C-alpha atoms as a PDB file:
ATOM      1  CA  MET A   1      -6.687   8.611  26.359  1.00  0.00           C
ATOM      2  CA  LYS A   2      -9.631   6.479  25.273  1.00  0.00           C
ATOM      3  CA  GLU A   3      -9.772   4.667  21.946  1.00  0.00           C
ATOM      4  CA  TYR A   4     -12.795   5.097  19.708  1.00  0.00           C
ATOM      5  CA  LEU A   5     -14.225   3.042  16.860  1.00  0.00           C
ATOM      6  CA  THR A   6     -16.975   3.825  14.422  1.00  0.00           C
ATOM      7  CA  LYS A   7     -19.731   1.239  14.154  1.00  0.00           C
ATOM      8  CA  GLU A   8     -18.533   0.348  10.634  1.00  0.00           C
ATOM      9  CA  ASN A   9     -14.984  -0.347  11.781  1.00  0.00           C
ATOM     10  CA  LYS A  10     -16.204  -2.409  14.738  1.00  0.00           C
ATOM     11  CA  GLU A  11     -18.165  -4.595  12.330  1.00  0.00           C
ATOM     12  CA  ALA A  12     -15.141  -4.907  10.020  1.00  0.00           C
ATOM     13  CA  LEU A  13     -12.892  -5.920  12.937  1.00  0.00           C
ATOM     14  CA  GLU A  14     -15.455  -8.475  14.127  1.00  0.00           C
ATOM     15  CA  ALA A  15     -15.575  -9.989  10.624  1.00  0.00           C
ATOM     16  CA  GLU A  16     -11.767 -10.102  10.451  1.00  0.00           C
ATOM     17  CA  LEU A  17     -11.602 -11.737  13.888  1.00  0.00           C
ATOM     18  CA  LYS A  18     -14.135 -14.373  12.830  1.00  0.00           C
ATOM     19  CA  GLU A  19     -12.092 -15.166   9.703  1.00  0.00           C
ATOM     20  CA  LEU A  20      -8.767 -15.284  11.556  1.00  0.00           C
ATOM     21  CA  SER A  21     -10.102 -17.333  14.482  1.00  0.00           C
ATOM     22  CA  GLY A  22     -11.847 -19.836  12.238  1.00  0.00           C
ATOM     23  CA  PRO A  23     -10.699 -20.682   8.721  1.00  0.00           C
ATOM     24  CA  LYS A  24      -7.300 -18.964   8.864  1.00  0.00           C
ATOM     25  CA  ARG A  25      -6.351 -20.606  12.164  1.00  0.00           C
ATOM     26  CA  LYS A  26      -7.374 -24.038  10.802  1.00  0.00           C
ATOM     27  CA  GLU A  27      -5.297 -23.411   7.672  1.00  0.00           C
ATOM     28  CA  ILE A  28      -2.178 -22.670   9.719  1.00  0.00           C
ATOM     29  CA  ILE A  29      -2.738 -25.696  11.975  1.00  0.00           C
ATOM     30  CA  ALA A  30      -2.987 -27.884   8.859  1.00  0.00           C
ATOM     31  CA  ALA A  31       0.259 -26.352   7.515  1.00  0.00           C
ATOM     32  CA  LEU A  32       1.967 -27.095  10.848  1.00  0.00           C
ATOM     33  CA  GLU A  33       0.781 -30.717  10.823  1.00  0.00           C
ATOM     34  CA  TYR A  34       2.016 -31.179   7.264  1.00  0.00           C
ATOM     35  CA  ALA A  35       5.387 -29.617   8.113  1.00  0.00           C
ATOM     36  CA  LYS A  36       5.752 -31.888  11.165  1.00  0.00           C
ATOM     37  CA  SER A  37       5.146 -34.905   8.946  1.00  0.00           C
ATOM     38  CA  LEU A  38       8.204 -33.969   6.877  1.00  0.00           C
ATOM     39  CA  GLY A  39      10.553 -34.995   9.668  1.00  0.00           C
ATOM     40  CA  ASP A  40      13.392 -33.290  11.547  1.00  0.00           C
ATOM     41  CA  LEU A  41      11.920 -30.035  12.891  1.00  0.00           C
ATOM     42  CA  SER A  42      15.303 -28.383  13.542  1.00  0.00           C
ATOM     43  CA  GLU A  43      16.021 -28.074   9.812  1.00  0.00           C
ATOM     44  CA  ASN A  44      12.452 -27.966   8.539  1.00  0.00           C
ATOM     45  CA  ALA A  45      11.882 -24.608   6.794  1.00  0.00           C
ATOM     46  CA  GLU A  46       8.182 -25.298   6.201  1.00  0.00           C
ATOM     47  CA  TYR A  47       7.672 -25.873   9.929  1.00  0.00           C
ATOM     48  CA  HIS A  48       9.478 -22.672  10.911  1.00  0.00           C
ATOM     49  CA  ILE A  49       7.532 -20.629   8.361  1.00  0.00           C
ATOM     50  CA  ALA A  50       4.225 -22.079   9.591  1.00  0.00           C
ATOM     51  CA  ARG A  51       5.176 -21.328  13.230  1.00  0.00           C
ATOM     52  CA  GLU A  52       6.040 -17.741  12.289  1.00  0.00           C
ATOM     53  CA  GLU A  53       2.695 -17.337  10.497  1.00  0.00           C
ATOM     54  CA  GLN A  54       0.939 -18.809  13.527  1.00  0.00           C
ATOM     55  CA  GLY A  55       2.658 -16.275  15.791  1.00  0.00           C
ATOM     56  CA  LYS A  56       1.640 -13.368  13.551  1.00  0.00           C
ATOM     57  CA  LEU A  57      -1.932 -14.659  13.378  1.00  0.00           C
ATOM     58  CA  GLU A  58      -2.247 -15.019  17.142  1.00  0.00           C
ATOM     59  CA  GLU A  59      -0.729 -11.554  17.624  1.00  0.00           C
ATOM     60  CA  ARG A  60      -3.300 -10.006  15.249  1.00  0.00           C
ATOM     61  CA  ILE A  61      -6.161 -11.900  16.920  1.00  0.00           C
ATOM     62  CA  GLY A  62      -5.002 -10.603  20.302  1.00  0.00           C
ATOM     63  CA  ALA A  63      -4.746  -7.029  18.996  1.00  0.00           C
ATOM     64  CA  ILE A  64      -8.251  -7.137  17.515  1.00  0.00           C
ATOM     65  CA  GLU A  65      -9.701  -8.639  20.690  1.00  0.00           C
ATOM     66  CA  HIS A  66      -8.001  -5.931  22.763  1.00  0.00           C
ATOM     67  CA  VAL A  67      -9.419  -3.154  20.568  1.00  0.00           C
ATOM     68  CA  LEU A  68     -12.919  -4.651  20.556  1.00  0.00           C
ATOM     69  CA  ASN A  69     -12.890  -5.149  24.333  1.00  0.00           C
ATOM     70  CA  ASN A  70     -11.570  -1.688  25.196  1.00  0.00           C
ATOM     71  CA  ALA A  71     -12.747   0.760  22.541  1.00  0.00           C
ATOM     72  CA  ILE A  72     -15.825   2.929  22.731  1.00  0.00           C
ATOM     73  CA  VAL A  73     -18.112   2.607  19.714  1.00  0.00           C
ATOM     74  CA  VAL A  74     -19.373   5.973  18.510  1.00  0.00           C
ATOM     75  CA  ASP A  75     -22.222   6.980  16.245  1.00  0.00           C
ATOM     76  CA  ARG A  76     -21.910   9.899  13.923  1.00  0.00           C
ATOM     77  CA  PRO A  77     -22.530  13.063  15.952  1.00  0.00           C
ATOM     78  CA  THR A  78     -25.602  15.102  15.059  1.00  0.00           C
ATOM     79  CA  ASN A  79     -25.175  18.283  17.104  1.00  0.00           C
ATOM     80  CA  GLY A  80     -22.805  20.069  14.696  1.00  0.00           C
ATOM     81  CA  THR A  81     -19.773  19.706  16.957  1.00  0.00           C
ATOM     82  CA  ILE A  82     -16.775  17.896  15.492  1.00  0.00           C
ATOM     83  CA  ASP A  83     -16.277  14.559  17.230  1.00  0.00           C
ATOM     84  CA  VAL A  84     -15.084  11.061  16.321  1.00  0.00           C
ATOM     85  CA  GLY A  85     -17.218   9.995  13.355  1.00  0.00           C
ATOM     86  CA  SER A  86     -17.716  13.537  12.009  1.00  0.00           C
ATOM     87  CA  THR A  87     -17.018  14.345   8.383  1.00  0.00           C
ATOM     88  CA  VAL A  88     -15.488  17.794   8.163  1.00  0.00           C
ATOM     89  CA  VAL A  89     -14.841  20.091   5.207  1.00  0.00           C
ATOM     90  CA  ILE A  90     -12.062  22.610   5.851  1.00  0.00           C
ATOM     91  CA  GLN A  91     -10.457  25.377   3.834  1.00  0.00           C
ATOM     92  CA  LYS A  92      -6.914  26.602   4.327  1.00  0.00           C
ATOM     93  CA  GLU A  93      -6.617  30.325   4.877  1.00  0.00           C
ATOM     94  CA  GLY A  94      -5.927  32.096   1.561  1.00  0.00           C
ATOM     95  CA  GLU A  95      -6.914  29.129  -0.638  1.00  0.00           C
ATOM     96  CA  THR A  96     -10.098  28.256  -2.501  1.00  0.00           C
ATOM     97  CA  ASN A  97      -9.716  24.455  -2.442  1.00  0.00           C
ATOM     98  CA  THR A  98     -11.337  22.516   0.369  1.00  0.00           C
ATOM     99  CA  ARG A  99     -10.331  19.250   1.990  1.00  0.00           C
ATOM    100  CA  THR A 100     -12.681  16.691   3.475  1.00  0.00           C
ATOM    101  CA  PHE A 101     -11.761  14.472   6.415  1.00  0.00           C
ATOM    102  CA  THR A 102     -13.544  12.009   8.635  1.00  0.00           C
ATOM    103  CA  LEU A 103     -12.344  11.995  12.233  1.00  0.00           C
ATOM    104  CA  VAL A 104     -11.764   8.422  13.403  1.00  0.00           C
ATOM    105  CA  GLY A 105     -10.047   6.454  16.158  1.00  0.00           C
ATOM    106  CA  SER A 106      -6.376   5.557  15.809  1.00  0.00           C
ATOM    107  CA  GLU A 107      -7.183   2.018  14.627  1.00  0.00           C
ATOM    108  CA  GLU A 108      -9.074   3.345  11.582  1.00  0.00           C
ATOM    109  CA  THR A 109      -6.667   6.009  10.316  1.00  0.00           C
ATOM    110  CA  ASP A 110      -6.265   5.928   6.530  1.00  0.00           C
ATOM    111  CA  MET A 111      -5.031   9.157   4.938  1.00  0.00           C
ATOM    112  CA  LEU A 112      -5.716   7.895   1.402  1.00  0.00           C
ATOM    113  CA  SER A 113      -9.399   7.540   2.301  1.00  0.00           C
ATOM    114  CA  GLY A 114      -9.500  10.872   4.139  1.00  0.00           C
ATOM    115  CA  LYS A 115      -9.773   9.223   7.572  1.00  0.00           C
ATOM    116  CA  ILE A 116      -7.634  11.029  10.142  1.00  0.00           C
ATOM    117  CA  SER A 117      -7.134  10.246  13.794  1.00  0.00           C
ATOM    118  CA  TYR A 118      -8.681  12.557  16.340  1.00  0.00           C
ATOM    119  CA  LYS A 119      -5.208  12.413  17.972  1.00  0.00           C
ATOM    120  CA  SER A 120      -3.389  13.766  14.885  1.00  0.00           C
ATOM    121  CA  PRO A 121      -2.397  17.458  14.920  1.00  0.00           C
ATOM    122  CA  ILE A 122      -5.235  18.488  12.598  1.00  0.00           C
ATOM    123  CA  GLY A 123      -7.715  16.081  14.220  1.00  0.00           C
ATOM    124  CA  ALA A 124      -6.911  17.404  17.686  1.00  0.00           C
ATOM    125  CA  ALA A 125      -7.274  21.009  16.460  1.00  0.00           C
ATOM    126  CA  LEU A 126     -10.676  20.255  14.870  1.00  0.00           C
ATOM    127  CA  TYR A 127     -12.054  18.190  17.780  1.00  0.00           C
ATOM    128  CA  GLY A 128     -14.905  20.037  19.498  1.00  0.00           C
ATOM    129  CA  LYS A 129     -15.122  22.838  16.894  1.00  0.00           C
ATOM    130  CA  LYS A 130     -18.173  23.842  14.827  1.00  0.00           C
ATOM    131  CA  LYS A 131     -18.945  25.172  11.354  1.00  0.00           C
ATOM    132  CA  GLY A 132     -17.428  28.638  10.916  1.00  0.00           C
ATOM    133  CA  ASP A 133     -14.691  28.139  13.532  1.00  0.00           C
ATOM    134  CA  THR A 134     -11.063  28.760  12.624  1.00  0.00           C
ATOM    135  CA  VAL A 135      -8.366  26.377  13.855  1.00  0.00           C
ATOM    136  CA  THR A 136      -4.599  26.689  13.937  1.00  0.00           C
ATOM    137  CA  VAL A 137      -2.510  23.609  13.230  1.00  0.00           C
ATOM    138  CA  SER A 138       1.200  23.531  14.005  1.00  0.00           C
ATOM    139  CA  THR A 139       3.190  21.836  11.239  1.00  0.00           C
ATOM    140  CA  PRO A 140       6.913  21.547  10.467  1.00  0.00           C
ATOM    141  CA  LYS A 141       6.372  24.351   7.918  1.00  0.00           C
ATOM    142  CA  GLY A 142       4.805  26.603  10.558  1.00  0.00           C
ATOM    143  CA  ASP A 143       1.304  27.295  11.806  1.00  0.00           C
ATOM    144  CA  MET A 144      -1.541  26.823   9.313  1.00  0.00           C
ATOM    145  CA  GLU A 145      -5.032  28.234   9.747  1.00  0.00           C
ATOM    146  CA  TYR A 146      -8.129  26.459   8.513  1.00  0.00           C
ATOM    147  CA  GLU A 147     -11.783  27.419   8.533  1.00  0.00           C
ATOM    148  CA  VAL A 148     -14.408  24.766   9.200  1.00  0.00           C
ATOM    149  CA  ILE A 149     -16.744  24.944   6.190  1.00  0.00           C
ATOM    150  CA  SER A 150     -19.133  22.144   7.202  1.00  0.00           C
ATOM    151  CA  VAL A 151     -19.622  19.345   9.718  1.00  0.00           C
ATOM    152  CA  SER A 152     -21.752  16.253   9.148  1.00  0.00           C
END
């Protein structure tokens, strides 16, 4: 399955990559040089900590580069069909409260901000639907039905 990014998240990842590849990488290299100057590397805690931080940094840089090189950047859809980038208001059957979600790629998921993956159970059920449609979501508590109130 393809990975998707919103334009905003692509820009945020590019900014993070620039920071990590530049100033942060230089900071860790300086910490490594200082730790080496302390002597015996086999028992040098500062050196081992700096190497571990360097490994984590390079892993994150690689992950960001992979996402940026392989993801499809999407604009917010305008045809009323729920897609990655859509903001959706739904209402659970039998309730008056509504919930608002933005469908995003896996890399952007943040439940506290209302950003759900299009691969999640509710995201997958909503994907491709329109205002007025009813969707069924299977949960551990059983099937739940939601009505799509609006799509933007």
